[in-house]
Amino acid sequence: MNVGIIDYGAGNLQSVLNAFHALGAEAKLITTPEELDGLTHLVLPGQGEFGDCSRKLEASAMTPPIKEWIAANKPFLGICVGYQLLFEGSEESPSAAGLGIFKGQNVRFQHEDGLKIPHMGWNGVTPQNPDHAMWKGMSKEPYFYYVHSYFPKAENSEVVAGVTTYGTQTFHGTVTRGNLIGTQFHPEKSQHAGLQLLKNFLTL
């Protein structure tokens, strides 16, 4: 397996790289479309504000090859803001465009008494299709690590692979379509369950 982790100046790169290396995978940071040659798997991480990440990704010239990669159904993983960027846009940055791979917008958690925003820490995910390859080797409600104030709201419920509840609000914690996986949680920070998910991703 040759994994490319897109370095566009807006991701938790070293932790993601280390996680794949821990699994014995060949993984490297890439910054140009030319470096896609020879890769089998592609990862789009992301941290920070949606608009800033969107602008940095567009400036990197990686947007067209990412869309081509996904259209070809090659294994692709979007993490945190890299997951949010798979959708059309975000309330956080109304003028910034996402990749539009999925229809839907990123929305902010609604205020609840006693509910801390951002949602930070461990939380369970309820798989919507437990037989999917991404859940292999996991419990019925695996726990992952989250850090976010916004989350995607997919228009097509069929792409939702797992949901998570925070306070009284249930959100789309992960989506999948073909060989694409997107996660609001950070698998690279989620210990056993996270490494298992990355291992499952490598089998796609």
N, C-alpha and C. Protein backbone atom coordinates (compact mmCIF):
# COMPACT_ATOMS: atom_id res chain seq x y z
N MET A 1 0.84 -1.19 0.00
CA MET A 1 0.00 0.00 0.00
C MET A 1 0.88 1.26 0.00
N ASN A 2 0.57 2.18 -0.87
CA ASN A 2 1.25 3.47 -0.90
C ASN A 2 0.23 4.56 -0.60
N VAL A 3 0.35 5.15 0.57
CA VAL A 3 -0.62 6.14 1.04
C VAL A 3 -0.05 7.54 0.87
N GLY A 4 -0.84 8.41 0.25
CA GLY A 4 -0.48 9.81 0.14
C GLY A 4 -1.33 10.65 1.06
N ILE A 5 -0.70 11.47 1.89
CA ILE A 5 -1.41 12.36 2.81
C ILE A 5 -1.21 13.78 2.30
N ILE A 6 -2.30 14.43 1.94
CA ILE A 6 -2.21 15.72 1.27
C ILE A 6 -1.82 16.81 2.27
N ASP A 7 -0.70 17.43 2.00
CA ASP A 7 -0.18 18.52 2.82
C ASP A 7 -0.48 19.84 2.13
N TYR A 8 -1.55 20.51 2.60
CA TYR A 8 -1.92 21.81 2.02
C TYR A 8 -1.89 22.90 3.09
N GLY A 9 -1.17 22.60 4.18
CA GLY A 9 -0.98 23.58 5.24
C GLY A 9 -2.12 23.67 6.22
N ALA A 10 -2.95 22.63 6.31
CA ALA A 10 -4.12 22.73 7.19
C ALA A 10 -4.51 21.40 7.81
N GLY A 11 -3.52 20.57 8.16
CA GLY A 11 -3.88 19.27 8.70
C GLY A 11 -3.00 18.82 9.83
N ASN A 12 -3.49 17.81 10.54
CA ASN A 12 -2.74 17.18 11.62
C ASN A 12 -1.86 16.10 11.00
N LEU A 13 -0.86 16.54 10.25
CA LEU A 13 -0.15 15.66 9.33
C LEU A 13 0.70 14.60 10.00
N GLN A 14 1.50 15.00 10.98
CA GLN A 14 2.44 14.05 11.57
C GLN A 14 1.74 12.91 12.28
N SER A 15 0.64 13.20 12.98
CA SER A 15 -0.09 12.15 13.67
C SER A 15 -0.70 11.15 12.69
N VAL A 16 -1.22 11.67 11.57
CA VAL A 16 -1.79 10.79 10.55
C VAL A 16 -0.69 9.93 9.94
N LEU A 17 0.43 10.55 9.62
CA LEU A 17 1.56 9.82 9.04
C LEU A 17 2.04 8.74 9.99
N ASN A 18 2.18 9.09 11.27
CA ASN A 18 2.65 8.13 12.26
C ASN A 18 1.70 6.94 12.41
N ALA A 19 0.40 7.21 12.31
CA ALA A 19 -0.59 6.15 12.47
C ALA A 19 -0.46 5.12 11.34
N PHE A 20 -0.29 5.60 10.11
CA PHE A 20 -0.12 4.66 9.00
C PHE A 20 1.20 3.91 9.10
N HIS A 21 2.25 4.59 9.53
CA HIS A 21 3.53 3.92 9.71
C HIS A 21 3.43 2.84 10.79
N ALA A 22 2.63 3.10 11.83
CA ALA A 22 2.44 2.11 12.90
C ALA A 22 1.78 0.84 12.37
N LEU A 23 1.01 0.99 11.30
CA LEU A 23 0.34 -0.16 10.68
C LEU A 23 1.23 -0.84 9.63
N GLY A 24 2.42 -0.31 9.44
CA GLY A 24 3.35 -0.90 8.49
C GLY A 24 3.12 -0.48 7.05
N ALA A 25 2.33 0.57 6.85
CA ALA A 25 2.03 1.03 5.50
C ALA A 25 3.08 2.03 5.02
N GLU A 26 3.32 2.03 3.73
CA GLU A 26 4.14 3.08 3.13
C GLU A 26 3.29 4.33 3.04
N ALA A 27 3.72 5.40 3.65
CA ALA A 27 2.93 6.63 3.65
C ALA A 27 3.86 7.83 3.56
N LYS A 28 3.41 8.85 2.83
CA LYS A 28 4.22 10.06 2.69
C LYS A 28 3.32 11.27 2.50
N LEU A 29 3.86 12.44 2.81
CA LEU A 29 3.14 13.69 2.57
C LEU A 29 3.32 14.08 1.12
N ILE A 30 2.25 14.58 0.50
CA ILE A 30 2.34 15.04 -0.88
C ILE A 30 1.79 16.46 -0.99
N THR A 31 2.35 17.22 -1.90
CA THR A 31 1.94 18.62 -2.06
C THR A 31 1.57 18.97 -3.50
N THR A 32 1.84 18.08 -4.44
CA THR A 32 1.58 18.38 -5.85
C THR A 32 0.82 17.23 -6.52
N PRO A 33 0.06 17.52 -7.58
CA PRO A 33 -0.66 16.47 -8.30
C PRO A 33 0.26 15.39 -8.85
N GLU A 34 1.48 15.76 -9.24
CA GLU A 34 2.41 14.79 -9.81
C GLU A 34 2.76 13.67 -8.83
N GLU A 35 2.67 13.97 -7.54
CA GLU A 35 3.04 12.98 -6.53
C GLU A 35 1.96 11.91 -6.32
N LEU A 36 0.83 12.04 -7.02
CA LEU A 36 -0.22 11.03 -6.93
C LEU A 36 0.18 9.74 -7.66
N ASP A 37 1.09 9.86 -8.60
CA ASP A 37 1.52 8.68 -9.36
C ASP A 37 2.07 7.60 -8.43
N GLY A 38 1.54 6.39 -8.58
CA GLY A 38 2.02 5.26 -7.79
C GLY A 38 1.31 5.08 -6.46
N LEU A 39 0.43 6.03 -6.09
CA LEU A 39 -0.29 5.90 -4.82
C LEU A 39 -1.49 4.97 -4.97
N THR A 40 -1.81 4.26 -3.90
CA THR A 40 -3.00 3.40 -3.88
C THR A 40 -4.11 4.00 -3.04
N HIS A 41 -3.76 4.81 -2.04
CA HIS A 41 -4.73 5.40 -1.11
C HIS A 41 -4.39 6.87 -0.90
N LEU A 42 -5.44 7.67 -0.75
CA LEU A 42 -5.26 9.11 -0.58
C LEU A 42 -6.02 9.60 0.64
N VAL A 43 -5.37 10.47 1.43
CA VAL A 43 -5.96 10.97 2.67
C VAL A 43 -5.96 12.50 2.66
N LEU A 44 -7.11 13.09 3.00
CA LEU A 44 -7.23 14.54 3.13
C LEU A 44 -7.53 14.87 4.59
N PRO A 45 -6.52 15.27 5.37
CA PRO A 45 -6.77 15.70 6.75
C PRO A 45 -7.23 17.16 6.75
N GLY A 46 -7.44 17.71 7.93
CA GLY A 46 -7.83 19.11 8.01
C GLY A 46 -8.11 19.53 9.44
N GLN A 47 -7.61 20.70 9.79
CA GLN A 47 -7.88 21.28 11.11
C GLN A 47 -8.05 22.78 10.96
N GLY A 48 -8.91 23.35 11.79
CA GLY A 48 -9.08 24.80 11.75
C GLY A 48 -10.41 25.21 11.15
N GLU A 49 -10.42 26.40 10.57
CA GLU A 49 -11.65 26.99 10.04
C GLU A 49 -11.90 26.50 8.62
N PHE A 50 -13.16 26.22 8.30
CA PHE A 50 -13.53 25.65 7.00
C PHE A 50 -13.05 26.53 5.85
N GLY A 51 -13.30 27.84 5.92
CA GLY A 51 -12.93 28.73 4.83
C GLY A 51 -11.44 28.77 4.60
N ASP A 52 -10.67 28.79 5.68
CA ASP A 52 -9.21 28.81 5.56
C ASP A 52 -8.71 27.54 4.90
N CYS A 53 -9.27 26.39 5.31
CA CYS A 53 -8.87 25.12 4.71
C CYS A 53 -9.27 25.06 3.24
N SER A 54 -10.46 25.56 2.93
CA SER A 54 -10.94 25.56 1.54
C SER A 54 -10.01 26.38 0.65
N ARG A 55 -9.64 27.56 1.11
CA ARG A 55 -8.77 28.43 0.32
C ARG A 55 -7.37 27.82 0.14
N LYS A 56 -6.84 27.23 1.20
CA LYS A 56 -5.52 26.62 1.11
C LYS A 56 -5.52 25.42 0.16
N LEU A 57 -6.60 24.65 0.20
CA LEU A 57 -6.69 23.49 -0.68
C LEU A 57 -6.78 23.94 -2.14
N GLU A 58 -7.58 24.97 -2.40
CA GLU A 58 -7.71 25.49 -3.76
C GLU A 58 -6.38 26.03 -4.26
N ALA A 59 -5.65 26.72 -3.40
CA ALA A 59 -4.36 27.30 -3.78
C ALA A 59 -3.30 26.22 -4.04
N SER A 60 -3.51 25.04 -3.49
CA SER A 60 -2.53 23.97 -3.65
C SER A 60 -2.59 23.28 -5.00
N ALA A 61 -3.64 23.57 -5.78
CA ALA A 61 -3.86 22.94 -7.10
C ALA A 61 -4.24 21.47 -6.98
N MET A 62 -4.63 21.03 -5.77
CA MET A 62 -4.97 19.63 -5.58
C MET A 62 -6.46 19.34 -5.76
N THR A 63 -7.29 20.39 -5.86
CA THR A 63 -8.73 20.16 -5.95
C THR A 63 -9.13 19.31 -7.16
N PRO A 64 -8.71 19.65 -8.39
CA PRO A 64 -9.11 18.81 -9.54
C PRO A 64 -8.65 17.36 -9.43
N PRO A 65 -7.37 17.09 -9.05
CA PRO A 65 -6.96 15.69 -8.95
C PRO A 65 -7.68 14.93 -7.83
N ILE A 66 -8.05 15.61 -6.76
CA ILE A 66 -8.84 14.95 -5.70
C ILE A 66 -10.18 14.50 -6.26
N LYS A 67 -10.84 15.39 -7.00
CA LYS A 67 -12.15 15.05 -7.58
C LYS A 67 -12.02 13.90 -8.58
N GLU A 68 -10.94 13.90 -9.35
CA GLU A 68 -10.72 12.82 -10.31
C GLU A 68 -10.46 11.50 -9.60
N TRP A 69 -9.69 11.56 -8.52
CA TRP A 69 -9.39 10.36 -7.72
C TRP A 69 -10.68 9.75 -7.17
N ILE A 70 -11.52 10.59 -6.60
CA ILE A 70 -12.77 10.11 -6.01
C ILE A 70 -13.71 9.59 -7.10
N ALA A 71 -13.78 10.28 -8.24
CA ALA A 71 -14.63 9.85 -9.35
C ALA A 71 -14.21 8.48 -9.87
N ALA A 72 -12.92 8.18 -9.76
CA ALA A 72 -12.40 6.88 -10.20
C ALA A 72 -12.59 5.79 -9.14
N ASN A 73 -13.21 6.15 -8.02
CA ASN A 73 -13.49 5.22 -6.92
C ASN A 73 -12.22 4.61 -6.33
N LYS A 74 -11.16 5.40 -6.27
CA LYS A 74 -9.95 4.96 -5.60
C LYS A 74 -10.08 5.22 -4.11
N PRO A 75 -9.45 4.42 -3.26
CA PRO A 75 -9.59 4.59 -1.81
C PRO A 75 -9.20 6.00 -1.34
N PHE A 76 -10.14 6.64 -0.65
CA PHE A 76 -9.96 8.02 -0.21
C PHE A 76 -10.52 8.17 1.20
N LEU A 77 -9.79 8.90 2.05
CA LEU A 77 -10.21 9.14 3.43
C LEU A 77 -10.14 10.62 3.74
N GLY A 78 -11.26 11.22 4.14
CA GLY A 78 -11.29 12.60 4.59
C GLY A 78 -11.47 12.64 6.09
N ILE A 79 -10.63 13.44 6.79
CA ILE A 79 -10.65 13.47 8.25
C ILE A 79 -10.95 14.89 8.75
N CYS A 80 -11.88 15.02 9.70
CA CYS A 80 -12.24 16.27 10.36
C CYS A 80 -12.63 17.33 9.32
N VAL A 81 -11.91 18.44 9.19
CA VAL A 81 -12.27 19.43 8.18
C VAL A 81 -12.08 18.86 6.77
N GLY A 82 -11.17 17.89 6.63
CA GLY A 82 -11.04 17.19 5.36
C GLY A 82 -12.29 16.41 5.00
N TYR A 83 -13.03 15.99 6.00
CA TYR A 83 -14.36 15.37 5.84
C TYR A 83 -15.39 16.44 5.49
N GLN A 84 -15.38 17.54 6.22
CA GLN A 84 -16.34 18.62 5.97
C GLN A 84 -16.20 19.17 4.55
N LEU A 85 -14.97 19.21 4.03
CA LEU A 85 -14.73 19.74 2.70
C LEU A 85 -15.33 18.88 1.60
N LEU A 86 -15.73 17.66 1.91
CA LEU A 86 -16.37 16.81 0.92
C LEU A 86 -17.78 17.29 0.59
N PHE A 87 -18.31 18.20 1.40
CA PHE A 87 -19.67 18.71 1.19
C PHE A 87 -19.62 20.06 0.47
N GLU A 88 -20.79 20.66 0.26
CA GLU A 88 -20.88 21.84 -0.60
C GLU A 88 -20.39 23.12 0.07
N GLY A 89 -20.59 23.24 1.38
CA GLY A 89 -20.18 24.45 2.06
C GLY A 89 -20.41 24.35 3.55
N SER A 90 -20.27 25.49 4.25
CA SER A 90 -20.38 25.48 5.71
C SER A 90 -20.93 26.80 6.22
N GLU A 91 -21.74 26.71 7.26
CA GLU A 91 -22.20 27.92 7.95
C GLU A 91 -21.04 28.71 8.52
N GLU A 92 -19.94 28.03 8.79
CA GLU A 92 -18.78 28.69 9.38
C GLU A 92 -18.17 29.70 8.43
N SER A 93 -18.23 29.41 7.13
CA SER A 93 -17.62 30.28 6.10
C SER A 93 -18.53 30.26 4.87
N PRO A 94 -19.62 31.03 4.89
CA PRO A 94 -20.63 30.96 3.82
C PRO A 94 -20.09 31.25 2.42
N SER A 95 -19.00 32.01 2.34
CA SER A 95 -18.48 32.35 1.01
C SER A 95 -17.50 31.32 0.46
N ALA A 96 -17.15 30.34 1.26
CA ALA A 96 -16.16 29.34 0.84
C ALA A 96 -16.86 28.09 0.32
N ALA A 97 -16.33 27.53 -0.76
CA ALA A 97 -16.93 26.35 -1.36
C ALA A 97 -16.20 25.08 -0.94
N GLY A 98 -16.98 24.04 -0.71
CA GLY A 98 -16.40 22.73 -0.50
C GLY A 98 -16.19 22.02 -1.82
N LEU A 99 -15.80 20.76 -1.77
CA LEU A 99 -15.56 19.99 -2.99
C LEU A 99 -16.86 19.55 -3.66
N GLY A 100 -17.95 19.52 -2.92
CA GLY A 100 -19.24 19.16 -3.49
C GLY A 100 -19.36 17.70 -3.89
N ILE A 101 -18.58 16.83 -3.26
CA ILE A 101 -18.70 15.40 -3.53
C ILE A 101 -20.05 14.89 -3.02
N PHE A 102 -20.48 15.41 -1.90
CA PHE A 102 -21.79 15.08 -1.33
C PHE A 102 -22.63 16.35 -1.23
N LYS A 103 -23.92 16.21 -1.40
CA LYS A 103 -24.83 17.33 -1.21
C LYS A 103 -25.06 17.54 0.27
N GLY A 104 -25.03 18.79 0.71
CA GLY A 104 -25.25 19.10 2.11
C GLY A 104 -24.32 20.19 2.60
N GLN A 105 -24.65 20.74 3.74
CA GLN A 105 -23.88 21.83 4.35
C GLN A 105 -23.38 21.40 5.72
N ASN A 106 -22.31 22.05 6.16
CA ASN A 106 -21.83 21.88 7.53
C ASN A 106 -22.53 22.89 8.43
N VAL A 107 -23.07 22.42 9.54
CA VAL A 107 -23.82 23.29 10.45
C VAL A 107 -23.19 23.23 11.84
N ARG A 108 -23.49 24.24 12.64
CA ARG A 108 -22.93 24.33 13.99
C ARG A 108 -23.85 23.66 15.00
N PHE A 109 -23.27 23.11 16.04
CA PHE A 109 -24.08 22.58 17.13
C PHE A 109 -24.99 23.68 17.67
N GLN A 110 -26.22 23.34 17.95
CA GLN A 110 -27.15 24.28 18.56
C GLN A 110 -26.85 24.40 20.05
N HIS A 111 -27.13 25.59 20.58
CA HIS A 111 -26.88 25.83 22.00
C HIS A 111 -27.79 24.97 22.87
N GLU A 112 -27.20 24.36 23.88
CA GLU A 112 -27.95 23.64 24.91
C GLU A 112 -27.32 24.00 26.25
N ASP A 113 -28.14 24.16 27.27
CA ASP A 113 -27.61 24.45 28.60
C ASP A 113 -26.66 23.34 29.04
N GLY A 114 -25.45 23.75 29.41
CA GLY A 114 -24.47 22.80 29.91
C GLY A 114 -23.68 22.07 28.82
N LEU A 115 -24.01 22.33 27.56
CA LEU A 115 -23.31 21.65 26.47
C LEU A 115 -22.12 22.49 26.02
N LYS A 116 -20.94 21.92 26.10
CA LYS A 116 -19.73 22.65 25.72
C LYS A 116 -19.48 22.54 24.21
N ILE A 117 -19.20 23.67 23.61
CA ILE A 117 -18.84 23.72 22.19
C ILE A 117 -17.48 24.42 22.11
N PRO A 118 -16.48 23.78 21.49
CA PRO A 118 -16.58 22.60 20.63
C PRO A 118 -16.81 21.28 21.37
N HIS A 119 -17.31 20.33 20.63
CA HIS A 119 -17.43 18.95 21.08
C HIS A 119 -16.02 18.38 21.07
N MET A 120 -15.50 18.13 22.25
CA MET A 120 -14.10 17.72 22.36
C MET A 120 -13.97 16.51 23.27
N GLY A 121 -13.40 15.44 22.75
CA GLY A 121 -13.19 14.25 23.56
C GLY A 121 -13.76 13.00 22.90
N TRP A 122 -13.89 11.95 23.70
CA TRP A 122 -14.32 10.65 23.20
C TRP A 122 -15.83 10.55 23.14
N ASN A 123 -16.32 9.89 22.07
CA ASN A 123 -17.75 9.67 21.93
C ASN A 123 -17.98 8.44 21.06
N GLY A 124 -19.11 7.80 21.27
CA GLY A 124 -19.42 6.58 20.53
C GLY A 124 -20.03 6.86 19.17
N VAL A 125 -19.83 5.93 18.26
CA VAL A 125 -20.41 6.00 16.93
C VAL A 125 -21.33 4.79 16.74
N THR A 126 -22.54 5.03 16.27
CA THR A 126 -23.46 3.94 15.97
C THR A 126 -23.43 3.67 14.47
N PRO A 127 -22.84 2.56 14.03
CA PRO A 127 -22.79 2.26 12.60
C PRO A 127 -24.20 2.10 12.02
N GLN A 128 -24.42 2.65 10.84
CA GLN A 128 -25.70 2.50 10.16
C GLN A 128 -25.73 1.24 9.30
N ASN A 129 -24.54 0.76 8.93
CA ASN A 129 -24.40 -0.50 8.20
C ASN A 129 -23.24 -1.26 8.83
N PRO A 130 -23.51 -2.00 9.90
CA PRO A 130 -22.43 -2.66 10.65
C PRO A 130 -21.61 -3.64 9.84
N ASP A 131 -22.15 -4.09 8.69
CA ASP A 131 -21.43 -5.07 7.87
C ASP A 131 -20.43 -4.42 6.92
N HIS A 132 -20.41 -3.10 6.89
CA HIS A 132 -19.47 -2.43 6.00
C HIS A 132 -18.04 -2.72 6.44
N ALA A 133 -17.13 -2.78 5.46
CA ALA A 133 -15.73 -3.14 5.73
C ALA A 133 -15.07 -2.19 6.72
N MET A 134 -15.52 -0.91 6.79
CA MET A 134 -14.87 0.04 7.68
C MET A 134 -15.02 -0.33 9.15
N TRP A 135 -16.05 -1.12 9.49
CA TRP A 135 -16.33 -1.47 10.89
C TRP A 135 -15.77 -2.83 11.28
N LYS A 136 -15.07 -3.48 10.39
CA LYS A 136 -14.55 -4.82 10.69
C LYS A 136 -13.64 -4.79 11.93
N GLY A 137 -13.87 -5.74 12.82
CA GLY A 137 -13.02 -5.87 14.00
C GLY A 137 -13.33 -4.90 15.12
N MET A 138 -14.49 -4.21 15.04
CA MET A 138 -14.85 -3.23 16.07
C MET A 138 -16.08 -3.65 16.85
N SER A 139 -16.31 -2.98 17.97
CA SER A 139 -17.48 -3.25 18.79
C SER A 139 -18.72 -2.65 18.13
N LYS A 140 -19.88 -2.89 18.71
CA LYS A 140 -21.14 -2.39 18.15
C LYS A 140 -21.23 -0.87 18.24
N GLU A 141 -20.51 -0.27 19.19
CA GLU A 141 -20.47 1.19 19.31
C GLU A 141 -19.03 1.62 19.61
N PRO A 142 -18.20 1.64 18.60
CA PRO A 142 -16.80 2.02 18.83
C PRO A 142 -16.67 3.48 19.23
N TYR A 143 -15.67 3.79 20.04
CA TYR A 143 -15.44 5.16 20.51
C TYR A 143 -14.26 5.78 19.77
N PHE A 144 -14.46 7.05 19.39
CA PHE A 144 -13.43 7.79 18.66
C PHE A 144 -13.28 9.18 19.28
N TYR A 145 -12.20 9.85 18.89
CA TYR A 145 -11.88 11.16 19.46
C TYR A 145 -12.32 12.28 18.51
N TYR A 146 -13.06 13.24 19.08
CA TYR A 146 -13.62 14.36 18.32
C TYR A 146 -13.07 15.69 18.81
N VAL A 147 -12.92 16.65 17.88
CA VAL A 147 -12.67 18.05 18.21
C VAL A 147 -13.33 18.88 17.11
N HIS A 148 -14.54 19.42 17.37
CA HIS A 148 -15.22 20.18 16.31
C HIS A 148 -16.42 20.93 16.87
N SER A 149 -16.76 22.02 16.17
CA SER A 149 -17.97 22.80 16.48
C SER A 149 -19.01 22.67 15.38
N TYR A 150 -18.56 22.27 14.19
CA TYR A 150 -19.44 22.11 13.03
C TYR A 150 -19.39 20.66 12.56
N PHE A 151 -20.39 20.27 11.81
CA PHE A 151 -20.44 18.90 11.29
C PHE A 151 -21.30 18.88 10.02
N PRO A 152 -21.03 17.95 9.11
CA PRO A 152 -21.81 17.87 7.88
C PRO A 152 -23.22 17.33 8.13
N LYS A 153 -24.15 17.85 7.38
CA LYS A 153 -25.53 17.37 7.38
C LYS A 153 -25.83 16.89 5.97
N ALA A 154 -25.65 15.60 5.75
CA ALA A 154 -25.79 15.03 4.40
C ALA A 154 -27.25 15.03 3.98
N GLU A 155 -27.50 15.44 2.74
CA GLU A 155 -28.86 15.42 2.22
C GLU A 155 -29.32 14.01 1.90
N ASN A 156 -28.39 13.15 1.51
CA ASN A 156 -28.70 11.77 1.16
C ASN A 156 -28.34 10.87 2.33
N SER A 157 -29.35 10.37 3.02
CA SER A 157 -29.10 9.56 4.22
C SER A 157 -28.40 8.25 3.90
N GLU A 158 -28.44 7.81 2.64
CA GLU A 158 -27.82 6.53 2.28
C GLU A 158 -26.30 6.55 2.41
N VAL A 159 -25.70 7.73 2.37
CA VAL A 159 -24.23 7.80 2.47
C VAL A 159 -23.76 7.82 3.92
N VAL A 160 -24.68 8.01 4.87
CA VAL A 160 -24.30 8.12 6.28
C VAL A 160 -23.92 6.73 6.82
N ALA A 161 -22.66 6.61 7.23
CA ALA A 161 -22.15 5.32 7.70
C ALA A 161 -22.24 5.17 9.21
N GLY A 162 -22.30 6.30 9.93
CA GLY A 162 -22.37 6.24 11.38
C GLY A 162 -22.85 7.56 11.95
N VAL A 163 -23.58 7.49 13.06
CA VAL A 163 -24.08 8.70 13.71
C VAL A 163 -23.58 8.75 15.15
N THR A 164 -23.46 9.97 15.65
CA THR A 164 -22.98 10.22 17.00
C THR A 164 -23.91 11.21 17.68
N THR A 165 -24.16 11.03 18.95
CA THR A 165 -25.04 11.94 19.69
C THR A 165 -24.22 12.74 20.70
N TYR A 166 -24.44 14.05 20.68
CA TYR A 166 -23.79 14.95 21.64
C TYR A 166 -24.88 15.82 22.24
N GLY A 167 -25.06 15.73 23.55
CA GLY A 167 -26.22 16.36 24.16
C GLY A 167 -27.47 15.67 23.64
N THR A 168 -28.39 16.45 23.08
CA THR A 168 -29.59 15.87 22.48
C THR A 168 -29.50 15.85 20.95
N GLN A 169 -28.32 16.20 20.41
CA GLN A 169 -28.17 16.35 18.97
C GLN A 169 -27.41 15.16 18.37
N THR A 170 -28.04 14.52 17.41
CA THR A 170 -27.42 13.41 16.71
C THR A 170 -26.94 13.89 15.35
N PHE A 171 -25.67 13.64 15.04
CA PHE A 171 -25.10 14.16 13.80
C PHE A 171 -24.42 13.05 13.01
N HIS A 172 -24.13 13.36 11.75
CA HIS A 172 -23.50 12.40 10.84
C HIS A 172 -21.99 12.38 11.12
N GLY A 173 -21.55 11.38 11.86
CA GLY A 173 -20.15 11.30 12.27
C GLY A 173 -19.24 10.74 11.20
N THR A 174 -19.81 10.01 10.24
CA THR A 174 -19.01 9.43 9.18
C THR A 174 -19.89 9.08 7.99
N VAL A 175 -19.33 9.19 6.80
CA VAL A 175 -20.04 8.82 5.58
C VAL A 175 -19.16 7.87 4.77
N THR A 176 -19.79 7.17 3.84
CA THR A 176 -19.03 6.32 2.93
C THR A 176 -19.79 6.17 1.63
N ARG A 177 -19.04 6.02 0.56
CA ARG A 177 -19.61 5.72 -0.76
C ARG A 177 -18.52 5.06 -1.59
N GLY A 178 -18.76 3.84 -2.01
CA GLY A 178 -17.72 3.12 -2.72
C GLY A 178 -16.49 2.98 -1.85
N ASN A 179 -15.35 3.41 -2.36
CA ASN A 179 -14.09 3.32 -1.61
C ASN A 179 -13.73 4.63 -0.92
N LEU A 180 -14.71 5.48 -0.71
CA LEU A 180 -14.51 6.75 0.00
C LEU A 180 -15.05 6.63 1.42
N ILE A 181 -14.26 7.11 2.37
CA ILE A 181 -14.69 7.21 3.76
C ILE A 181 -14.41 8.63 4.24
N GLY A 182 -15.35 9.22 4.94
CA GLY A 182 -15.15 10.51 5.58
C GLY A 182 -15.52 10.42 7.04
N THR A 183 -14.67 10.96 7.92
CA THR A 183 -14.93 10.88 9.36
C THR A 183 -14.76 12.24 10.02
N GLN A 184 -15.76 12.63 10.82
CA GLN A 184 -15.62 13.84 11.61
C GLN A 184 -14.63 13.63 12.75
N PHE A 185 -14.58 12.42 13.27
CA PHE A 185 -13.62 12.09 14.33
C PHE A 185 -12.22 11.92 13.75
N HIS A 186 -11.24 11.88 14.66
CA HIS A 186 -9.84 11.72 14.28
C HIS A 186 -9.41 10.27 14.52
N PRO A 187 -9.37 9.42 13.49
CA PRO A 187 -8.91 8.05 13.73
C PRO A 187 -7.47 7.99 14.21
N GLU A 188 -6.64 8.94 13.77
CA GLU A 188 -5.22 8.92 14.15
C GLU A 188 -5.01 9.25 15.62
N LYS A 189 -6.06 9.76 16.30
CA LYS A 189 -5.98 10.06 17.73
C LYS A 189 -6.87 9.13 18.56
N SER A 190 -7.42 8.10 17.92
CA SER A 190 -8.45 7.28 18.57
C SER A 190 -7.98 5.90 18.97
N GLN A 191 -6.69 5.75 19.17
CA GLN A 191 -6.12 4.53 19.72
C GLN A 191 -6.58 3.29 18.95
N HIS A 192 -7.04 2.24 19.65
CA HIS A 192 -7.31 0.96 19.00
C HIS A 192 -8.35 1.07 17.89
N ALA A 193 -9.49 1.70 18.19
CA ALA A 193 -10.56 1.79 17.18
C ALA A 193 -10.10 2.58 15.97
N GLY A 194 -9.35 3.65 16.21
CA GLY A 194 -8.86 4.46 15.12
C GLY A 194 -7.89 3.72 14.22
N LEU A 195 -6.95 3.00 14.84
CA LEU A 195 -6.00 2.21 14.05
C LEU A 195 -6.71 1.10 13.29
N GLN A 196 -7.74 0.52 13.90
CA GLN A 196 -8.49 -0.53 13.21
C GLN A 196 -9.20 0.04 12.00
N LEU A 197 -9.77 1.24 12.13
CA LEU A 197 -10.42 1.87 10.99
C LEU A 197 -9.42 2.14 9.87
N LEU A 198 -8.25 2.66 10.22
CA LEU A 198 -7.23 2.93 9.20
C LEU A 198 -6.78 1.62 8.55
N LYS A 199 -6.66 0.57 9.34
CA LYS A 199 -6.31 -0.75 8.81
C LYS A 199 -7.37 -1.22 7.83
N ASN A 200 -8.63 -1.01 8.19
CA ASN A 200 -9.73 -1.41 7.30
C ASN A 200 -9.72 -0.57 6.01
N PHE A 201 -9.38 0.71 6.15
CA PHE A 201 -9.28 1.58 4.98
C PHE A 201 -8.23 1.06 4.01
N LEU A 202 -7.13 0.57 4.55
CA LEU A 202 -6.05 0.05 3.69
C LEU A 202 -6.45 -1.20 2.92
N THR A 203 -7.51 -1.89 3.37
CA THR A 203 -7.96 -3.08 2.64
C THR A 203 -8.86 -2.72 1.47
N LEU A 204 -9.29 -1.48 1.36
CA LEU A 204 -10.18 -1.09 0.26
C LEU A 204 -9.40 -1.07 -1.05
